[in-house]
Amino acid sequence: MCRMLVTEEGLVQRLQTGTHPPYYLCTNAIVQQFEEFHSAYDIAEGDDMYLASGSRLNVW
């Protein structure tokens, strides 16, 4: 688990100059892209981790 204490200004600076996503996106934004995640954890519309299928990345 990653925890970080950062000011809003510090977060903005990291977004503008850093090469890694903010700590809270390192896992959540990735797993939200997969239907298997939604199915395995029974994620439904209205849940915090729900991401509509039309908003998910589609590489192929």
N, C-alpha and C. Protein backbone atom coordinates (compact mmCIF):
# COMPACT_ATOMS: atom_id res chain seq x y z
N MET A 1 0.84 -1.17 0.00
CA MET A 1 0.00 0.00 0.00
C MET A 1 0.89 1.24 0.00
N CYS A 2 0.48 2.21 -0.73
CA CYS A 2 1.25 3.45 -0.82
C CYS A 2 0.49 4.56 -0.12
N ARG A 3 1.17 5.28 0.74
CA ARG A 3 0.57 6.43 1.41
C ARG A 3 1.48 7.61 1.20
N MET A 4 0.88 8.77 1.07
CA MET A 4 1.68 9.96 0.81
C MET A 4 0.97 11.18 1.38
N LEU A 5 1.73 12.04 1.99
CA LEU A 5 1.21 13.31 2.46
C LEU A 5 1.78 14.39 1.55
N VAL A 6 0.93 15.04 0.79
CA VAL A 6 1.40 16.01 -0.19
C VAL A 6 0.38 17.16 -0.27
N THR A 7 0.88 18.36 -0.45
CA THR A 7 -0.01 19.50 -0.61
C THR A 7 -0.57 19.51 -2.03
N GLU A 8 -1.60 20.28 -2.24
CA GLU A 8 -2.17 20.39 -3.58
C GLU A 8 -1.13 20.94 -4.56
N GLU A 9 -0.34 21.90 -4.12
CA GLU A 9 0.70 22.47 -4.98
C GLU A 9 1.76 21.41 -5.31
N GLY A 10 2.10 20.60 -4.33
CA GLY A 10 3.06 19.54 -4.56
C GLY A 10 2.55 18.51 -5.56
N LEU A 11 1.27 18.19 -5.48
CA LEU A 11 0.67 17.24 -6.41
C LEU A 11 0.68 17.81 -7.83
N VAL A 12 0.34 19.08 -7.97
CA VAL A 12 0.35 19.73 -9.29
C VAL A 12 1.77 19.69 -9.87
N GLN A 13 2.75 19.98 -9.04
CA GLN A 13 4.14 19.95 -9.51
C GLN A 13 4.53 18.54 -9.97
N ARG A 14 4.13 17.53 -9.20
CA ARG A 14 4.44 16.15 -9.59
C ARG A 14 3.76 15.79 -10.91
N LEU A 15 2.53 16.25 -11.10
CA LEU A 15 1.83 15.97 -12.36
C LEU A 15 2.52 16.61 -13.55
N GLN A 16 3.05 17.80 -13.35
CA GLN A 16 3.67 18.54 -14.45
C GLN A 16 5.09 18.07 -14.75
N THR A 17 5.80 17.56 -13.75
CA THR A 17 7.21 17.25 -13.96
C THR A 17 7.56 15.78 -13.78
N GLY A 18 6.70 15.01 -13.15
CA GLY A 18 7.01 13.63 -12.85
C GLY A 18 6.75 12.69 -14.02
N THR A 19 7.31 11.50 -13.92
CA THR A 19 7.11 10.49 -14.96
C THR A 19 6.12 9.42 -14.54
N HIS A 20 5.67 9.45 -13.29
CA HIS A 20 4.75 8.45 -12.78
C HIS A 20 3.41 9.10 -12.45
N PRO A 21 2.33 8.32 -12.54
CA PRO A 21 1.02 8.87 -12.18
C PRO A 21 0.93 9.11 -10.68
N PRO A 22 -0.03 9.90 -10.25
CA PRO A 22 -0.23 10.10 -8.81
C PRO A 22 -0.46 8.75 -8.12
N TYR A 23 -0.06 8.66 -6.86
CA TYR A 23 -0.11 7.41 -6.12
C TYR A 23 -1.47 6.75 -6.15
N TYR A 24 -2.54 7.53 -6.12
CA TYR A 24 -3.87 6.94 -6.05
C TYR A 24 -4.34 6.37 -7.39
N LEU A 25 -3.61 6.62 -8.46
CA LEU A 25 -3.95 6.06 -9.77
C LEU A 25 -3.09 4.86 -10.15
N CYS A 26 -2.05 4.61 -9.40
CA CYS A 26 -1.10 3.54 -9.76
C CYS A 26 -1.77 2.20 -9.96
N THR A 27 -2.77 1.88 -9.18
CA THR A 27 -3.46 0.60 -9.31
C THR A 27 -4.89 0.78 -9.80
N ASN A 28 -5.64 1.65 -9.15
CA ASN A 28 -7.07 1.76 -9.42
C ASN A 28 -7.38 2.07 -10.87
N ALA A 29 -6.69 3.01 -11.46
CA ALA A 29 -6.99 3.40 -12.85
C ALA A 29 -6.67 2.28 -13.82
N ILE A 30 -5.74 1.42 -13.45
CA ILE A 30 -5.37 0.31 -14.34
C ILE A 30 -6.42 -0.79 -14.28
N VAL A 31 -6.75 -1.25 -13.07
CA VAL A 31 -7.69 -2.37 -12.98
C VAL A 31 -9.09 -2.00 -13.45
N GLN A 32 -9.46 -0.73 -13.35
CA GLN A 32 -10.79 -0.30 -13.81
C GLN A 32 -10.98 -0.53 -15.31
N GLN A 33 -9.92 -0.68 -16.05
CA GLN A 33 -10.00 -0.83 -17.50
C GLN A 33 -10.47 -2.22 -17.93
N PHE A 34 -10.47 -3.20 -17.01
CA PHE A 34 -10.73 -4.59 -17.37
C PHE A 34 -12.11 -5.06 -16.93
N GLU A 35 -12.83 -5.66 -17.86
CA GLU A 35 -14.13 -6.24 -17.55
C GLU A 35 -13.99 -7.35 -16.51
N GLU A 36 -12.87 -8.07 -16.56
CA GLU A 36 -12.64 -9.15 -15.59
C GLU A 36 -12.62 -8.61 -14.15
N PHE A 37 -12.11 -7.42 -13.96
CA PHE A 37 -12.10 -6.78 -12.63
C PHE A 37 -13.53 -6.51 -12.18
N HIS A 38 -14.31 -5.92 -13.06
CA HIS A 38 -15.70 -5.59 -12.72
C HIS A 38 -16.49 -6.86 -12.41
N SER A 39 -16.25 -7.91 -13.17
CA SER A 39 -16.97 -9.17 -12.96
C SER A 39 -16.51 -9.86 -11.67
N ALA A 40 -15.21 -9.92 -11.44
CA ALA A 40 -14.67 -10.63 -10.28
C ALA A 40 -15.14 -10.02 -8.96
N TYR A 41 -15.25 -8.69 -8.92
CA TYR A 41 -15.62 -8.02 -7.68
C TYR A 41 -17.05 -7.48 -7.71
N ASP A 42 -17.81 -7.90 -8.72
CA ASP A 42 -19.21 -7.50 -8.85
C ASP A 42 -19.37 -5.99 -8.75
N ILE A 43 -18.52 -5.27 -9.50
CA ILE A 43 -18.56 -3.81 -9.54
C ILE A 43 -19.72 -3.40 -10.44
N ALA A 44 -20.57 -2.51 -9.95
CA ALA A 44 -21.73 -2.09 -10.71
C ALA A 44 -21.79 -0.56 -10.75
N GLU A 45 -22.60 -0.06 -11.67
CA GLU A 45 -22.78 1.39 -11.78
C GLU A 45 -23.19 1.95 -10.42
N GLY A 46 -22.56 3.03 -10.03
CA GLY A 46 -22.82 3.62 -8.73
C GLY A 46 -21.73 3.29 -7.71
N ASP A 47 -20.96 2.22 -7.95
CA ASP A 47 -19.83 1.88 -7.08
C ASP A 47 -18.67 2.81 -7.37
N ASP A 48 -17.85 3.10 -6.37
CA ASP A 48 -16.73 4.02 -6.54
C ASP A 48 -15.74 3.56 -7.61
N MET A 49 -15.54 2.27 -7.75
CA MET A 49 -14.56 1.75 -8.71
C MET A 49 -15.17 1.49 -10.09
N TYR A 50 -16.44 1.78 -10.27
CA TYR A 50 -17.09 1.54 -11.56
C TYR A 50 -16.57 2.50 -12.63
N LEU A 51 -16.31 1.95 -13.79
CA LEU A 51 -15.96 2.75 -14.96
C LEU A 51 -16.77 2.21 -16.13
N ALA A 52 -17.59 3.03 -16.73
CA ALA A 52 -18.46 2.60 -17.83
C ALA A 52 -17.61 2.00 -18.95
N SER A 53 -18.13 0.96 -19.59
CA SER A 53 -17.36 0.27 -20.63
C SER A 53 -17.00 1.20 -21.78
N GLY A 54 -17.81 2.20 -22.06
CA GLY A 54 -17.51 3.16 -23.11
C GLY A 54 -16.37 4.11 -22.76
N SER A 55 -16.04 4.20 -21.48
CA SER A 55 -14.95 5.09 -21.02
C SER A 55 -13.65 4.33 -20.83
N ARG A 56 -13.67 3.02 -20.97
CA ARG A 56 -12.46 2.22 -20.77
C ARG A 56 -11.58 2.27 -22.02
N LEU A 57 -10.30 2.11 -21.78
CA LEU A 57 -9.34 2.09 -22.89
C LEU A 57 -9.52 0.82 -23.70
N ASN A 58 -9.34 0.92 -24.99
CA ASN A 58 -9.42 -0.23 -25.87
C ASN A 58 -8.24 -0.16 -26.83
N VAL A 59 -7.26 -1.00 -26.60
CA VAL A 59 -6.05 -0.95 -27.40
C VAL A 59 -6.21 -1.68 -28.72
N TRP A 60 -6.84 -2.83 -28.68
CA TRP A 60 -6.94 -3.63 -29.92
C TRP A 60 -8.29 -3.44 -30.51
